[in-house]
C-alpha atoms as a PDB file:
ATOM      1  CA  UNK A   1      -4.537   6.333   3.833  1.00  0.00           C
ATOM      2  CA  UNK A   2      -7.174   6.519   0.676  1.00  0.00           C
ATOM      3  CA  UNK A   3      -4.813   4.860  -1.697  1.00  0.00           C
ATOM      4  CA  UNK A   4      -3.279   2.092   0.942  1.00  0.00           C
ATOM      5  CA  UNK A   5      -3.100  -0.786  -1.311  1.00  0.00           C
ATOM      6  CA  UNK A   6      -2.679   1.314  -4.371  1.00  0.00           C
ATOM      7  CA  UNK A   7       0.362   2.508  -2.542  1.00  0.00           C
ATOM      8  CA  UNK A   8       1.777  -0.615  -1.734  1.00  0.00           C
ATOM      9  CA  UNK A   9       1.663  -1.325  -5.388  1.00  0.00           C
ATOM     10  CA  UNK A  10       3.322   1.671  -6.929  1.00  0.00           C
ATOM     11  CA  UNK A  11       6.159   1.551  -3.837  1.00  0.00           C
ATOM     12  CA  UNK A  12       6.723  -2.090  -5.218  1.00  0.00           C
ATOM     13  CA  UNK A  13       6.947  -0.923  -8.650  1.00  0.00           C
ATOM     14  CA  UNK A  14       8.854   1.977  -8.390  1.00  0.00           C
ATOM     15  CA  UNK A  15      11.805   0.108  -6.057  1.00  0.00           C
ATOM     16  CA  UNK A  16      11.674  -2.954  -8.229  1.00  0.00           C
ATOM     17  CA  UNK A  17      11.373  -1.395 -12.007  1.00  0.00           C
ATOM     18  CA  UNK A  18      12.819   2.055 -11.684  1.00  0.00           C
ATOM     19  CA  UNK A  19      15.592   1.546  -8.617  1.00  0.00           C
ATOM     20  CA  UNK A  20      14.292   3.888  -6.672  1.00  0.00           C
ATOM     21  CA  UNK A  21      14.590   3.669  -2.916  1.00  0.00           C
ATOM     22  CA  UNK A  22      11.105   4.393  -1.363  1.00  0.00           C
ATOM     23  CA  UNK A  23      10.197   5.614   2.422  1.00  0.00           C
ATOM     24  CA  UNK A  24       6.908   4.251   2.198  1.00  0.00           C
ATOM     25  CA  UNK A  25       4.323   5.206   5.211  1.00  0.00           C
ATOM     26  CA  UNK A  26       3.858   2.483   7.429  1.00  0.00           C
ATOM     27  CA  UNK A  27       0.007   1.846   8.144  1.00  0.00           C
ATOM     28  CA  UNK A  28      -2.499  -1.551   7.965  1.00  0.00           C
ATOM     29  CA  UNK A  29      -4.455  -1.543   4.859  1.00  0.00           C
ATOM     30  CA  UNK A  30      -7.113  -2.843   7.149  1.00  0.00           C
ATOM     31  CA  UNK A  31      -6.677   0.208   9.612  1.00  0.00           C
ATOM     32  CA  UNK A  32     -10.107   2.314   9.783  1.00  0.00           C
ATOM     33  CA  UNK A  33      -8.679   5.916   9.962  1.00  0.00           C
ATOM     34  CA  UNK A  34     -11.194   7.446  11.982  1.00  0.00           C
ATOM     35  CA  UNK A  35      -9.840   5.233  14.894  1.00  0.00           C
ATOM     36  CA  UNK A  36      -6.710   8.032  14.744  1.00  0.00           C
ATOM     37  CA  UNK A  37      -5.937  10.431  17.795  1.00  0.00           C
ATOM     38  CA  UNK A  38      -5.192  14.023  17.253  1.00  0.00           C
ATOM     39  CA  UNK A  39      -1.699  13.137  18.890  1.00  0.00           C
ATOM     40  CA  UNK A  40      -1.133  10.084  16.467  1.00  0.00           C
ATOM     41  CA  UNK A  41      -2.076  12.507  13.350  1.00  0.00           C
ATOM     42  CA  UNK A  42       0.719  14.881  14.508  1.00  0.00           C
ATOM     43  CA  UNK A  43       3.031  12.689  14.656  1.00  0.00           C
ATOM     44  CA  UNK A  44       2.820  11.258  11.234  1.00  0.00           C
ATOM     45  CA  UNK A  45       2.818  14.577   9.965  1.00  0.00           C
ATOM     46  CA  UNK A  46       6.471  15.010  11.658  1.00  0.00           C
ATOM     47  CA  UNK A  47       7.578  11.273  10.770  1.00  0.00           C
ATOM     48  CA  UNK A  48       6.428  12.399   7.378  1.00  0.00           C
ATOM     49  CA  UNK A  49       8.294  15.329   7.122  1.00  0.00           C
ATOM     50  CA  UNK A  50      11.352  13.934   8.231  1.00  0.00           C
ATOM     51  CA  UNK A  51      11.259  11.225   5.625  1.00  0.00           C
ATOM     52  CA  UNK A  52      11.078  14.733   3.123  1.00  0.00           C
ATOM     53  CA  UNK A  53      13.763  16.454   4.546  1.00  0.00           C
ATOM     54  CA  UNK A  54      15.758  13.277   3.954  1.00  0.00           C
ATOM     55  CA  UNK A  55      14.775  12.411   0.148  1.00  0.00           C
ATOM     56  CA  UNK A  56      15.174  13.835  -2.996  1.00  0.00           C
ATOM     57  CA  UNK A  57      11.254  13.886  -4.209  1.00  0.00           C
ATOM     58  CA  UNK A  58       7.998  12.733  -3.016  1.00  0.00           C
ATOM     59  CA  UNK A  59       5.994  11.037  -5.549  1.00  0.00           C
ATOM     60  CA  UNK A  60       1.928  11.989  -4.636  1.00  0.00           C
ATOM     61  CA  UNK A  61      -0.582   9.309  -5.315  1.00  0.00           C
ATOM     62  CA  UNK A  62      -3.637  11.277  -6.681  1.00  0.00           C
ATOM     63  CA  UNK A  63      -5.640   8.659  -7.972  1.00  0.00           C
ATOM     64  CA  UNK A  64      -8.580  10.432  -9.967  1.00  0.00           C
ATOM     65  CA  UNK A  65      -7.143  13.988  -9.433  1.00  0.00           C
ATOM     66  CA  UNK A  66      -7.803  13.441  -5.266  1.00  0.00           C
ATOM     67  CA  UNK A  67      -5.015  15.030  -3.027  1.00  0.00           C
ATOM     68  CA  UNK A  68      -5.962  15.145   0.545  1.00  0.00           C
ATOM     69  CA  UNK A  69      -5.035  18.145   3.124  1.00  0.00           C
ATOM     70  CA  UNK A  70      -2.354  16.118   4.773  1.00  0.00           C
ATOM     71  CA  UNK A  71      -1.003  15.350   1.530  1.00  0.00           C
ATOM     72  CA  UNK A  72      -1.576  18.887   0.067  1.00  0.00           C
ATOM     73  CA  UNK A  73       0.416  20.047   3.463  1.00  0.00           C
ATOM     74  CA  UNK A  74       3.071  17.322   2.560  1.00  0.00           C
ATOM     75  CA  UNK A  75       3.483  18.779  -1.310  1.00  0.00           C
ATOM     76  CA  UNK A  76       3.986  22.320   0.161  1.00  0.00           C
ATOM     77  CA  UNK A  77       6.623  21.436   3.068  1.00  0.00           C
ATOM     78  CA  UNK A  78       8.741  19.778  -0.318  1.00  0.00           C
ATOM     79  CA  UNK A  79       8.327  22.578  -2.721  1.00  0.00           C
ATOM     80  CA  UNK A  80       9.735  24.983  -0.072  1.00  0.00           C
ATOM     81  CA  UNK A  81      12.868  22.507   0.889  1.00  0.00           C
ATOM     82  CA  UNK A  82      13.983  22.762  -2.937  1.00  0.00           C
ATOM     83  CA  UNK A  83      12.667  18.848  -3.396  1.00  0.00           C
ATOM     84  CA  UNK A  84      10.720  17.391  -6.395  1.00  0.00           C
ATOM     85  CA  UNK A  85       7.091  16.687  -6.359  1.00  0.00           C
ATOM     86  CA  UNK A  86       6.275  13.798  -8.767  1.00  0.00           C
ATOM     87  CA  UNK A  87       2.892  12.912  -9.597  1.00  0.00           C
ATOM     88  CA  UNK A  88       1.141   9.463 -10.546  1.00  0.00           C
ATOM     89  CA  UNK A  89      -1.296  11.416 -12.727  1.00  0.00           C
ATOM     90  CA  UNK A  90      -0.827  14.731 -14.185  1.00  0.00           C
ATOM     91  CA  UNK A  91      -2.145  17.331 -12.197  1.00  0.00           C
ATOM     92  CA  UNK A  92      -5.137  19.660 -13.153  1.00  0.00           C
ATOM     93  CA  UNK A  93      -4.089  23.306 -11.678  1.00  0.00           C
END
């Protein structure tokens, strides 16, 4: 969760200003990502994809163009499911 603090603010803005219902990832902004075990990552991956299944779109927080491997996997999953993918910053591909 490289941009945890930013994601909280963005989620708040999307809900309050744009009236979107946001399914936010659950995490602690003080947690060290190295604490996750592989089983935790597998569970989180499945949960995130379930959230994509019930969503109309995903919003990618790609600050300074950064998109991590798990997020890339979620983007691919969303596109295959016909979901809209919205990027926080323009994507250079």
